Amino acid sequence: MHYQPPRTLGLMMGGVLVSWALAVAVLLAVFAWGRQTDLATAGAWIGAGGATALAGLFAYWTMALASLRYTVDRNGLVIAWAGIRQVIPLQAIERLVPGTSLEVPQVRGISWFGYHIGSAEIRRIGSVLFYSTHQAPEQVLYVMTSERNYAISVPDPAAFAREIQVRQDLGPTAEVSHHVERTLPALQGFWRDRRALLLLTAGASLCALNAVVLGLRYGSLPEVLPYVFPPGASQSLADAATRSRLIDVPRAAAAVLGLDVVLALLFALWDRVASYTVLMAGAGVQVALLAALGVALVRAA
């Protein structure tokens, strides 16, 4: 038997959040486009990039909600969400408790109207993993097992409980262990890897710093620099020594950051250490670009 929770409100809310983030990104980009380079312009471009990334994250979570379902057979209950499958042996289920019997806490994780994926602590039962779309306590059904507790949302909790009881009485047809299955586990693990996230944050921060530094100094620079930038460029180029050439440094930093993220994710599928190496190399390139910009600004002073 397959069960899908009520998802209309959660999907609508996800669409609103994606639209909001995209709207912020567009507004910031429109504000910065064609504007004189300064700190406000740099901040607007950084904000537009951050809002675009946030829109992508909201879009992923919304698509993941569309995949949320519960499957019951004689062997177990499977909770599927995104690339994760929580496999629960049916014989391990000890009780099914309606949400009206317990408090509904604040869920740590993804939590908006009609969408709750994460964990919470509840008095009397302890830690609970939420895979629910509840809006009220009566829409939550707690699945108490010998190892972990879960919170789900099914349209008819009483009918769901009867299906569980019938299949428990029939007995299993195969041995099932309590475990978690993941699609592309290495890639999913990347986003929970503190070292990888630290390196990624360092690269992103250095990229943003390039734009901020140029934004702070750009207005005070002469229109024509007293040297050729980049070094080695042909003197015959009319714009070779104009200050606008310095804008290429933050642009290059943004391109390097984007390429670094893509390569790090690809290498994470193969080897975690290789992914770290790519991220460290990307951070090194960001440092080099920042140093080059610093030298250029000092020479222009």
C-alpha atoms as a PDB file:
ATOM      1  CA  MET A   1       0.000   0.000   0.000  1.00  0.00           C
ATOM      2  CA  HIS A   2       1.225   3.463  -0.901  1.00  0.00           C
ATOM      3  CA  TYR A   3       0.258   6.554   1.037  1.00  0.00           C
ATOM      4  CA  GLN A   4       0.945  10.175   0.168  1.00  0.00           C
ATOM      5  CA  PRO A   5       0.512  12.948   2.714  1.00  0.00           C
ATOM      6  CA  PRO A   6      -1.491  16.099   1.951  1.00  0.00           C
ATOM      7  CA  ARG A   7       1.019  18.270   0.113  1.00  0.00           C
ATOM      8  CA  THR A   8      -0.939  21.093  -1.512  1.00  0.00           C
ATOM      9  CA  LEU A   9      -0.192  23.744   1.111  1.00  0.00           C
ATOM     10  CA  GLY A  10       3.481  22.780   1.385  1.00  0.00           C
ATOM     11  CA  LEU A  11       3.975  22.859  -2.382  1.00  0.00           C
ATOM     12  CA  MET A  12       2.226  26.219  -2.664  1.00  0.00           C
ATOM     13  CA  MET A  13       4.371  27.631   0.137  1.00  0.00           C
ATOM     14  CA  GLY A  14       7.481  26.263  -1.556  1.00  0.00           C
ATOM     15  CA  GLY A  15       6.482  27.963  -4.789  1.00  0.00           C
ATOM     16  CA  VAL A  16       6.005  31.236  -2.917  1.00  0.00           C
ATOM     17  CA  LEU A  17       9.465  30.958  -1.320  1.00  0.00           C
ATOM     18  CA  VAL A  18      11.132  30.169  -4.658  1.00  0.00           C
ATOM     19  CA  SER A  19       9.358  33.097  -6.312  1.00  0.00           C
ATOM     20  CA  TRP A  20      10.302  35.417  -3.450  1.00  0.00           C
ATOM     21  CA  ALA A  21      13.998  34.462  -3.615  1.00  0.00           C
ATOM     22  CA  LEU A  22      14.073  34.843  -7.406  1.00  0.00           C
ATOM     23  CA  ALA A  23      12.327  38.207  -7.156  1.00  0.00           C
ATOM     24  CA  VAL A  24      14.928  39.428  -4.660  1.00  0.00           C
ATOM     25  CA  ALA A  25      17.722  38.208  -6.962  1.00  0.00           C
ATOM     26  CA  VAL A  26      16.205  39.985  -9.983  1.00  0.00           C
ATOM     27  CA  LEU A  27      15.621  43.229  -8.080  1.00  0.00           C
ATOM     28  CA  LEU A  28      19.199  43.272  -6.780  1.00  0.00           C
ATOM     29  CA  ALA A  29      20.581  42.472 -10.249  1.00  0.00           C
ATOM     30  CA  VAL A  30      18.486  45.247 -11.838  1.00  0.00           C
ATOM     31  CA  PHE A  31      19.699  47.656  -9.167  1.00  0.00           C
ATOM     32  CA  ALA A  32      23.348  46.758  -9.791  1.00  0.00           C
ATOM     33  CA  TRP A  33      23.185  46.493 -13.599  1.00  0.00           C
ATOM     34  CA  GLY A  34      24.859  49.474 -15.283  1.00  0.00           C
ATOM     35  CA  ARG A  35      25.404  51.213 -11.952  1.00  0.00           C
ATOM     36  CA  GLN A  36      28.698  52.873 -11.046  1.00  0.00           C
ATOM     37  CA  THR A  37      30.883  50.326  -9.264  1.00  0.00           C
ATOM     38  CA  ASP A  38      30.900  50.969  -5.511  1.00  0.00           C
ATOM     39  CA  LEU A  39      30.251  49.103  -2.279  1.00  0.00           C
ATOM     40  CA  ALA A  40      26.469  49.150  -2.790  1.00  0.00           C
ATOM     41  CA  THR A  41      26.852  47.682  -6.278  1.00  0.00           C
ATOM     42  CA  ALA A  42      29.179  44.953  -5.004  1.00  0.00           C
ATOM     43  CA  GLY A  43      26.772  44.165  -2.177  1.00  0.00           C
ATOM     44  CA  ALA A  44      23.855  43.984  -4.605  1.00  0.00           C
ATOM     45  CA  TRP A  45      25.651  41.482  -6.846  1.00  0.00           C
ATOM     46  CA  ILE A  46      26.653  39.377  -3.832  1.00  0.00           C
ATOM     47  CA  GLY A  47      23.074  39.483  -2.570  1.00  0.00           C
ATOM     48  CA  ALA A  48      21.737  38.521  -6.013  1.00  0.00           C
ATOM     49  CA  GLY A  49      24.036  35.504  -6.101  1.00  0.00           C
ATOM     50  CA  GLY A  50      23.012  34.479  -2.589  1.00  0.00           C
ATOM     51  CA  ALA A  51      19.308  34.886  -3.382  1.00  0.00           C
ATOM     52  CA  THR A  52      19.694  32.779  -6.536  1.00  0.00           C
ATOM     53  CA  ALA A  53      21.374  30.010  -4.542  1.00  0.00           C
ATOM     54  CA  LEU A  54      18.579  30.237  -1.950  1.00  0.00           C
ATOM     55  CA  ALA A  55      15.955  29.944  -4.692  1.00  0.00           C
ATOM     56  CA  GLY A  56      17.676  26.795  -5.925  1.00  0.00           C
ATOM     57  CA  LEU A  57      17.636  25.346  -2.409  1.00  0.00           C
ATOM     58  CA  PHE A  58      13.934  26.143  -1.956  1.00  0.00           C
ATOM     59  CA  ALA A  59      13.201  24.601  -5.365  1.00  0.00           C
ATOM     60  CA  TYR A  60      15.046  21.397  -4.403  1.00  0.00           C
ATOM     61  CA  TRP A  61      13.175  21.128  -1.096  1.00  0.00           C
ATOM     62  CA  THR A  62       9.860  21.720  -2.865  1.00  0.00           C
ATOM     63  CA  MET A  63      10.570  18.989  -5.413  1.00  0.00           C
ATOM     64  CA  ALA A  64      11.598  16.719  -2.535  1.00  0.00           C
ATOM     65  CA  LEU A  65       8.190  17.308  -0.922  1.00  0.00           C
ATOM     66  CA  ALA A  66       6.517  16.072  -4.109  1.00  0.00           C
ATOM     67  CA  SER A  67       8.386  12.766  -3.645  1.00  0.00           C
ATOM     68  CA  LEU A  68       7.318  12.225  -0.003  1.00  0.00           C
ATOM     69  CA  ARG A  69       5.406   8.972   0.402  1.00  0.00           C
ATOM     70  CA  TYR A  70       4.936   6.033   2.760  1.00  0.00           C
ATOM     71  CA  THR A  71       4.853   2.401   1.612  1.00  0.00           C
ATOM     72  CA  VAL A  72       3.577  -0.486   3.733  1.00  0.00           C
ATOM     73  CA  ASP A  73       3.874  -4.205   3.052  1.00  0.00           C
ATOM     74  CA  ARG A  74       4.178  -7.310   5.232  1.00  0.00           C
ATOM     75  CA  ASN A  75       7.861  -6.692   5.776  1.00  0.00           C
ATOM     76  CA  GLY A  76       8.066  -3.058   6.679  1.00  0.00           C
ATOM     77  CA  LEU A  77       7.170   0.596   6.444  1.00  0.00           C
ATOM     78  CA  VAL A  78       9.286   2.664   4.039  1.00  0.00           C
ATOM     79  CA  ILE A  79       9.341   6.458   4.324  1.00  0.00           C
ATOM     80  CA  ALA A  80      10.708   7.923   1.079  1.00  0.00           C
ATOM     81  CA  TRP A  81      11.768  11.552   0.730  1.00  0.00           C
ATOM     82  CA  ALA A  82      14.120  12.953  -1.930  1.00  0.00           C
ATOM     83  CA  GLY A  83      16.939  10.388  -2.178  1.00  0.00           C
ATOM     84  CA  ILE A  84      16.395   8.973   1.319  1.00  0.00           C
ATOM     85  CA  ARG A  85      14.444   5.840   2.261  1.00  0.00           C
ATOM     86  CA  GLN A  86      13.859   5.102   5.935  1.00  0.00           C
ATOM     87  CA  VAL A  87      13.232   1.337   6.118  1.00  0.00           C
ATOM     88  CA  ILE A  88      11.393   0.251   9.281  1.00  0.00           C
ATOM     89  CA  PRO A  89      10.702  -3.455   9.946  1.00  0.00           C
ATOM     90  CA  LEU A  90       6.976  -3.854  10.533  1.00  0.00           C
ATOM     91  CA  GLN A  91       7.547  -6.072  13.547  1.00  0.00           C
ATOM     92  CA  ALA A  92       9.658  -3.291  15.120  1.00  0.00           C
ATOM     93  CA  ILE A  93       6.661  -0.944  15.251  1.00  0.00           C
ATOM     94  CA  GLU A  94       5.440  -1.000  18.850  1.00  0.00           C
ATOM     95  CA  ARG A  95       2.774   1.690  18.851  1.00  0.00           C
ATOM     96  CA  LEU A  96       1.032   4.215  16.637  1.00  0.00           C
ATOM     97  CA  VAL A  97       0.186   7.333  18.622  1.00  0.00           C
ATOM     98  CA  PRO A  98      -2.110  10.080  17.264  1.00  0.00           C
ATOM     99  CA  GLY A  99      -0.771  13.607  17.414  1.00  0.00           C
ATOM    100  CA  THR A 100      -3.637  14.741  19.643  1.00  0.00           C
ATOM    101  CA  SER A 101      -2.112  12.644  22.445  1.00  0.00           C
ATOM    102  CA  LEU A 102       1.237  14.439  22.364  1.00  0.00           C
ATOM    103  CA  GLU A 103       2.590  17.917  21.873  1.00  0.00           C
ATOM    104  CA  VAL A 104       3.670  18.956  18.374  1.00  0.00           C
ATOM    105  CA  PRO A 105       7.061  20.658  18.812  1.00  0.00           C
ATOM    106  CA  GLN A 106       9.097  22.975  16.637  1.00  0.00           C
ATOM    107  CA  VAL A 107      10.914  20.846  14.063  1.00  0.00           C
ATOM    108  CA  ARG A 108      14.630  21.469  13.519  1.00  0.00           C
ATOM    109  CA  GLY A 109      15.313  21.230   9.802  1.00  0.00           C
ATOM    110  CA  ILE A 110      13.045  22.123   6.891  1.00  0.00           C
ATOM    111  CA  SER A 111       9.907  23.561   8.391  1.00  0.00           C
ATOM    112  CA  TRP A 112       7.294  25.757   6.769  1.00  0.00           C
ATOM    113  CA  PHE A 113       3.506  25.661   6.481  1.00  0.00           C
ATOM    114  CA  GLY A 114       2.518  22.165   5.392  1.00  0.00           C
ATOM    115  CA  TYR A 115       6.080  20.797   5.298  1.00  0.00           C
ATOM    116  CA  HIS A 116       8.195  19.469   8.168  1.00  0.00           C
ATOM    117  CA  ILE A 117      11.347  17.402   7.643  1.00  0.00           C
ATOM    118  CA  GLY A 118      13.776  17.168  10.534  1.00  0.00           C
ATOM    119  CA  SER A 119      14.047  16.179  14.170  1.00  0.00           C
ATOM    120  CA  ALA A 120      12.462  17.247  17.433  1.00  0.00           C
ATOM    121  CA  GLU A 121      12.458  16.296  21.094  1.00  0.00           C
ATOM    122  CA  ILE A 122       9.124  15.402  22.641  1.00  0.00           C
ATOM    123  CA  ARG A 123       8.488  14.780  26.304  1.00  0.00           C
ATOM    124  CA  ARG A 124       7.621  11.194  27.176  1.00  0.00           C
ATOM    125  CA  ILE A 125       8.977   9.688  23.943  1.00  0.00           C
ATOM    126  CA  GLY A 126      12.290  11.460  23.230  1.00  0.00           C
ATOM    127  CA  SER A 127      13.763  12.117  19.793  1.00  0.00           C
ATOM    128  CA  VAL A 128      11.443  11.997  16.766  1.00  0.00           C
ATOM    129  CA  LEU A 129      12.213  12.189  13.045  1.00  0.00           C
ATOM    130  CA  PHE A 130       9.534  14.179  11.223  1.00  0.00           C
ATOM    131  CA  TYR A 131       8.482  13.361   7.661  1.00  0.00           C
ATOM    132  CA  SER A 132       5.146  15.103   7.846  1.00  0.00           C
ATOM    133  CA  THR A 133       3.014  17.785   6.259  1.00  0.00           C
ATOM    134  CA  HIS A 134       0.885  18.543   9.295  1.00  0.00           C
ATOM    135  CA  GLN A 135      -0.814  21.828   9.997  1.00  0.00           C
ATOM    136  CA  ALA A 136      -2.532  20.701  13.205  1.00  0.00           C
ATOM    137  CA  PRO A 137      -1.832  18.021  15.882  1.00  0.00           C
ATOM    138  CA  GLU A 138      -4.551  15.687  14.573  1.00  0.00           C
ATOM    139  CA  GLN A 139      -2.662  15.454  11.246  1.00  0.00           C
ATOM    140  CA  VAL A 140       0.382  13.868  12.898  1.00  0.00           C
ATOM    141  CA  LEU A 141       0.778  10.149  13.501  1.00  0.00           C
ATOM    142  CA  TYR A 142       3.726   9.043  15.637  1.00  0.00           C
ATOM    143  CA  VAL A 143       5.286   5.707  14.701  1.00  0.00           C
ATOM    144  CA  MET A 144       7.015   4.303  17.794  1.00  0.00           C
ATOM    145  CA  THR A 145       9.612   1.617  17.100  1.00  0.00           C
ATOM    146  CA  SER A 146      12.187  -0.283  19.096  1.00  0.00           C
ATOM    147  CA  GLU A 147      15.001   1.890  17.668  1.00  0.00           C
ATOM    148  CA  ARG A 148      13.658   5.249  16.514  1.00  0.00           C
ATOM    149  CA  ASN A 149      10.456   7.236  16.507  1.00  0.00           C
ATOM    150  CA  TYR A 150       8.923   8.881  13.442  1.00  0.00           C
ATOM    151  CA  ALA A 151       6.180  11.409  12.753  1.00  0.00           C
ATOM    152  CA  ILE A 152       4.205  11.098   9.524  1.00  0.00           C
ATOM    153  CA  SER A 153       0.999  12.484   8.029  1.00  0.00           C
ATOM    154  CA  VAL A 154      -1.563  10.157   6.445  1.00  0.00           C
ATOM    155  CA  PRO A 155      -5.068  11.153   5.296  1.00  0.00           C
ATOM    156  CA  ASP A 156      -6.765   8.505   7.512  1.00  0.00           C
ATOM    157  CA  PRO A 157      -4.633   7.521  10.537  1.00  0.00           C
ATOM    158  CA  ALA A 158      -7.170   4.922  11.739  1.00  0.00           C
ATOM    159  CA  ALA A 159      -7.187   3.104   8.388  1.00  0.00           C
ATOM    160  CA  PHE A 160      -3.402   3.281   8.252  1.00  0.00           C
ATOM    161  CA  ALA A 161      -3.159   1.732  11.738  1.00  0.00           C
ATOM    162  CA  ARG A 162      -5.470  -1.106  10.677  1.00  0.00           C
ATOM    163  CA  GLU A 163      -3.294  -1.833   7.639  1.00  0.00           C
ATOM    164  CA  ILE A 164      -0.228  -1.996   9.868  1.00  0.00           C
ATOM    165  CA  GLN A 165      -1.965  -4.352  12.315  1.00  0.00           C
ATOM    166  CA  VAL A 166      -3.231  -6.670   9.566  1.00  0.00           C
ATOM    167  CA  ARG A 167       0.215  -7.026   8.048  1.00  0.00           C
ATOM    168  CA  GLN A 168       1.871  -7.514  11.425  1.00  0.00           C
ATOM    169  CA  ASP A 169      -0.566 -10.353  12.123  1.00  0.00           C
ATOM    170  CA  LEU A 170       0.212 -11.970   8.765  1.00  0.00           C
ATOM    171  CA  GLY A 171       3.928 -11.893   9.514  1.00  0.00           C
ATOM    172  CA  PRO A 172       6.899 -10.992   7.293  1.00  0.00           C
ATOM    173  CA  THR A 173       7.806 -12.734   4.073  1.00  0.00           C
ATOM    174  CA  ALA A 174      11.469 -11.676   4.314  1.00  0.00           C
ATOM    175  CA  GLU A 175      13.849 -10.467   6.974  1.00  0.00           C
ATOM    176  CA  VAL A 176      14.187  -6.682   7.010  1.00  0.00           C
ATOM    177  CA  SER A 177      16.581  -4.658   9.152  1.00  0.00           C
ATOM    178  CA  HIS A 178      16.114  -1.141  10.428  1.00  0.00           C
ATOM    179  CA  HIS A 179      18.269   1.006   8.097  1.00  0.00           C
ATOM    180  CA  VAL A 180      18.503   4.063   5.867  1.00  0.00           C
ATOM    181  CA  GLU A 181      19.047   3.871   2.112  1.00  0.00           C
ATOM    182  CA  ARG A 182      20.442   6.845   0.227  1.00  0.00           C
ATOM    183  CA  THR A 183      20.656   7.639  -3.463  1.00  0.00           C
ATOM    184  CA  LEU A 184      24.127   8.998  -4.266  1.00  0.00           C
ATOM    185  CA  PRO A 185      25.201   8.737  -0.600  1.00  0.00           C
ATOM    186  CA  ALA A 186      28.578  10.389  -1.204  1.00  0.00           C
ATOM    187  CA  LEU A 187      26.913  13.454  -2.738  1.00  0.00           C
ATOM    188  CA  GLN A 188      24.360  13.710   0.071  1.00  0.00           C
ATOM    189  CA  GLY A 189      27.129  13.308   2.627  1.00  0.00           C
ATOM    190  CA  PHE A 190      28.967  16.276   1.105  1.00  0.00           C
ATOM    191  CA  TRP A 191      26.359  18.698   2.464  1.00  0.00           C
ATOM    192  CA  ARG A 192      26.770  17.276   5.996  1.00  0.00           C
ATOM    193  CA  ASP A 193      30.568  17.272   5.844  1.00  0.00           C
ATOM    194  CA  ARG A 194      31.778  20.116   8.062  1.00  0.00           C
ATOM    195  CA  ARG A 195      35.235  20.189   6.484  1.00  0.00           C
ATOM    196  CA  ALA A 196      33.821  20.455   2.972  1.00  0.00           C
ATOM    197  CA  LEU A 197      31.350  23.158   4.025  1.00  0.00           C
ATOM    198  CA  LEU A 198      34.125  25.081   5.797  1.00  0.00           C
ATOM    199  CA  LEU A 199      36.295  25.038   2.671  1.00  0.00           C
ATOM    200  CA  LEU A 200      33.326  26.017   0.512  1.00  0.00           C
ATOM    201  CA  THR A 201      32.469  28.874   2.878  1.00  0.00           C
ATOM    202  CA  ALA A 202      36.078  30.070   2.803  1.00  0.00           C
ATOM    203  CA  GLY A 203      36.062  30.136  -1.010  1.00  0.00           C
ATOM    204  CA  ALA A 204      32.731  31.959  -1.141  1.00  0.00           C
ATOM    205  CA  SER A 205      33.878  34.497   1.468  1.00  0.00           C
ATOM    206  CA  LEU A 206      37.086  35.224  -0.440  1.00  0.00           C
ATOM    207  CA  CYS A 207      35.071  35.621  -3.654  1.00  0.00           C
ATOM    208  CA  ALA A 208      32.761  38.118  -1.951  1.00  0.00           C
ATOM    209  CA  LEU A 209      35.762  39.922  -0.463  1.00  0.00           C
ATOM    210  CA  ASN A 210      37.129  40.536  -3.962  1.00  0.00           C
ATOM    211  CA  ALA A 211      33.941  42.393  -4.888  1.00  0.00           C
ATOM    212  CA  VAL A 212      33.789  44.304  -1.595  1.00  0.00           C
ATOM    213  CA  VAL A 213      37.410  45.464  -1.776  1.00  0.00           C
ATOM    214  CA  LEU A 214      36.990  46.721  -5.342  1.00  0.00           C
ATOM    215  CA  GLY A 215      33.664  48.343  -4.471  1.00  0.00           C
ATOM    216  CA  LEU A 216      35.288  50.264  -1.613  1.00  0.00           C
ATOM    217  CA  ARG A 217      38.168  51.603  -3.717  1.00  0.00           C
ATOM    218  CA  TYR A 218      36.754  51.835  -7.235  1.00  0.00           C
ATOM    219  CA  GLY A 219      35.314  55.334  -6.934  1.00  0.00           C
ATOM    220  CA  SER A 220      38.654  56.785  -5.784  1.00  0.00           C
ATOM    221  CA  LEU A 221      40.671  55.241  -8.631  1.00  0.00           C
ATOM    222  CA  PRO A 222      41.731  57.333 -11.645  1.00  0.00           C
ATOM    223  CA  GLU A 223      39.925  56.642 -14.884  1.00  0.00           C
ATOM    224  CA  VAL A 224      43.215  55.635 -16.492  1.00  0.00           C
ATOM    225  CA  LEU A 225      45.577  53.482 -14.436  1.00  0.00           C
ATOM    226  CA  PRO A 226      49.301  54.329 -14.404  1.00  0.00           C
ATOM    227  CA  TYR A 227      50.099  50.801 -15.625  1.00  0.00           C
ATOM    228  CA  VAL A 228      48.688  48.090 -17.857  1.00  0.00           C
ATOM    229  CA  PHE A 229      46.252  45.610 -16.283  1.00  0.00           C
ATOM    230  CA  PRO A 230      46.485  42.707 -16.461  1.00  0.00           C
ATOM    231  CA  PRO A 231      50.293  42.685 -16.592  1.00  0.00           C
ATOM    232  CA  GLY A 232      51.609  41.754 -20.034  1.00  0.00           C
ATOM    233  CA  ALA A 233      48.551  43.042 -21.891  1.00  0.00           C
ATOM    234  CA  SER A 234      49.174  44.798 -25.179  1.00  0.00           C
ATOM    235  CA  GLN A 235      49.749  48.518 -24.811  1.00  0.00           C
ATOM    236  CA  SER A 236      47.814  49.011 -28.029  1.00  0.00           C
ATOM    237  CA  LEU A 237      44.539  48.044 -26.399  1.00  0.00           C
ATOM    238  CA  ALA A 238      42.616  51.240 -25.783  1.00  0.00           C
ATOM    239  CA  ASP A 239      41.065  49.978 -22.571  1.00  0.00           C
ATOM    240  CA  ALA A 240      44.088  48.058 -21.301  1.00  0.00           C
ATOM    241  CA  ALA A 241      44.832  50.609 -18.588  1.00  0.00           C
ATOM    242  CA  THR A 242      41.336  51.771 -17.675  1.00  0.00           C
ATOM    243  CA  ARG A 243      40.052  51.052 -14.191  1.00  0.00           C
ATOM    244  CA  SER A 244      37.103  49.099 -15.616  1.00  0.00           C
ATOM    245  CA  ARG A 245      39.527  46.265 -16.327  1.00  0.00           C
ATOM    246  CA  LEU A 246      39.763  45.667 -12.568  1.00  0.00           C
ATOM    247  CA  ILE A 247      36.129  44.504 -12.566  1.00  0.00           C
ATOM    248  CA  ASP A 248      37.355  41.376 -14.348  1.00  0.00           C
ATOM    249  CA  VAL A 249      38.925  40.215 -11.071  1.00  0.00           C
ATOM    250  CA  PRO A 250      35.630  39.771  -9.136  1.00  0.00           C
ATOM    251  CA  ARG A 251      34.065  38.304 -12.272  1.00  0.00           C
ATOM    252  CA  ALA A 252      36.853  35.751 -12.502  1.00  0.00           C
ATOM    253  CA  ALA A 253      36.486  35.012  -8.778  1.00  0.00           C
ATOM    254  CA  ALA A 254      32.759  34.319  -9.245  1.00  0.00           C
ATOM    255  CA  ALA A 255      33.470  32.035 -12.221  1.00  0.00           C
ATOM    256  CA  VAL A 256      36.122  30.164 -10.240  1.00  0.00           C
ATOM    257  CA  LEU A 257      33.718  29.708  -7.322  1.00  0.00           C
ATOM    258  CA  GLY A 258      31.000  28.293  -9.578  1.00  0.00           C
ATOM    259  CA  LEU A 259      33.425  25.900 -11.279  1.00  0.00           C
ATOM    260  CA  ASP A 260      34.865  24.915  -7.897  1.00  0.00           C
ATOM    261  CA  VAL A 261      31.450  23.923  -6.534  1.00  0.00           C
ATOM    262  CA  VAL A 262      30.624  21.837  -9.615  1.00  0.00           C
ATOM    263  CA  LEU A 263      33.984  20.031  -9.586  1.00  0.00           C
ATOM    264  CA  ALA A 264      33.857  19.451  -5.824  1.00  0.00           C
ATOM    265  CA  LEU A 265      30.420  17.808  -6.128  1.00  0.00           C
ATOM    266  CA  LEU A 266      31.591  15.628  -9.007  1.00  0.00           C
ATOM    267  CA  PHE A 267      34.742  14.569  -7.166  1.00  0.00           C
ATOM    268  CA  ALA A 268      32.673  13.837  -4.035  1.00  0.00           C
ATOM    269  CA  LEU A 269      31.050  10.988  -5.973  1.00  0.00           C
ATOM    270  CA  TRP A 270      34.485   9.462  -6.456  1.00  0.00           C
ATOM    271  CA  ASP A 271      36.637  10.381  -3.462  1.00  0.00           C
ATOM    272  CA  ARG A 272      36.078  12.730  -0.533  1.00  0.00           C
ATOM    273  CA  VAL A 273      39.758  13.693  -0.270  1.00  0.00           C
ATOM    274  CA  ALA A 274      39.794  14.674  -3.951  1.00  0.00           C
ATOM    275  CA  SER A 275      36.792  16.906  -3.276  1.00  0.00           C
ATOM    276  CA  TYR A 276      38.678  18.581  -0.408  1.00  0.00           C
ATOM    277  CA  THR A 277      41.660  19.106  -2.722  1.00  0.00           C
ATOM    278  CA  VAL A 278      39.496  20.807  -5.340  1.00  0.00           C
ATOM    279  CA  LEU A 279      37.963  23.103  -2.710  1.00  0.00           C
ATOM    280  CA  MET A 280      41.383  23.999  -1.278  1.00  0.00           C
ATOM    281  CA  ALA A 281      42.693  24.709  -4.770  1.00  0.00           C
ATOM    282  CA  GLY A 282      39.682  26.929  -5.431  1.00  0.00           C
ATOM    283  CA  ALA A 283      40.296  28.833  -2.196  1.00  0.00           C
ATOM    284  CA  GLY A 284      43.948  29.223  -3.231  1.00  0.00           C
ATOM    285  CA  VAL A 285      42.914  30.726  -6.570  1.00  0.00           C
ATOM    286  CA  GLN A 286      40.600  33.132  -4.717  1.00  0.00           C
ATOM    287  CA  VAL A 287      43.525  34.210  -2.518  1.00  0.00           C
ATOM    288  CA  ALA A 288      45.687  34.741  -5.610  1.00  0.00           C
ATOM    289  CA  LEU A 289      42.992  36.853  -7.279  1.00  0.00           C
ATOM    290  CA  LEU A 290      42.543  38.888  -4.105  1.00  0.00           C
ATOM    291  CA  ALA A 291      46.307  39.423  -3.892  1.00  0.00           C
ATOM    292  CA  ALA A 292      46.435  40.510  -7.555  1.00  0.00           C
ATOM    293  CA  LEU A 293      43.612  42.974  -6.950  1.00  0.00           C
ATOM    294  CA  GLY A 294      45.370  44.293  -3.856  1.00  0.00           C
ATOM    295  CA  VAL A 295      48.599  44.871  -5.761  1.00  0.00           C
ATOM    296  CA  ALA A 296      46.711  46.634  -8.542  1.00  0.00           C
ATOM    297  CA  LEU A 297      44.930  48.913  -6.079  1.00  0.00           C
ATOM    298  CA  VAL A 298      48.169  49.753  -4.249  1.00  0.00           C
ATOM    299  CA  ARG A 299      49.919  50.630  -7.497  1.00  0.00           C
ATOM    300  CA  ALA A 300      46.974  52.818  -8.509  1.00  0.00           C
ATOM    301  CA  ALA A 301      47.060  54.761  -5.248  1.00  0.00           C
END
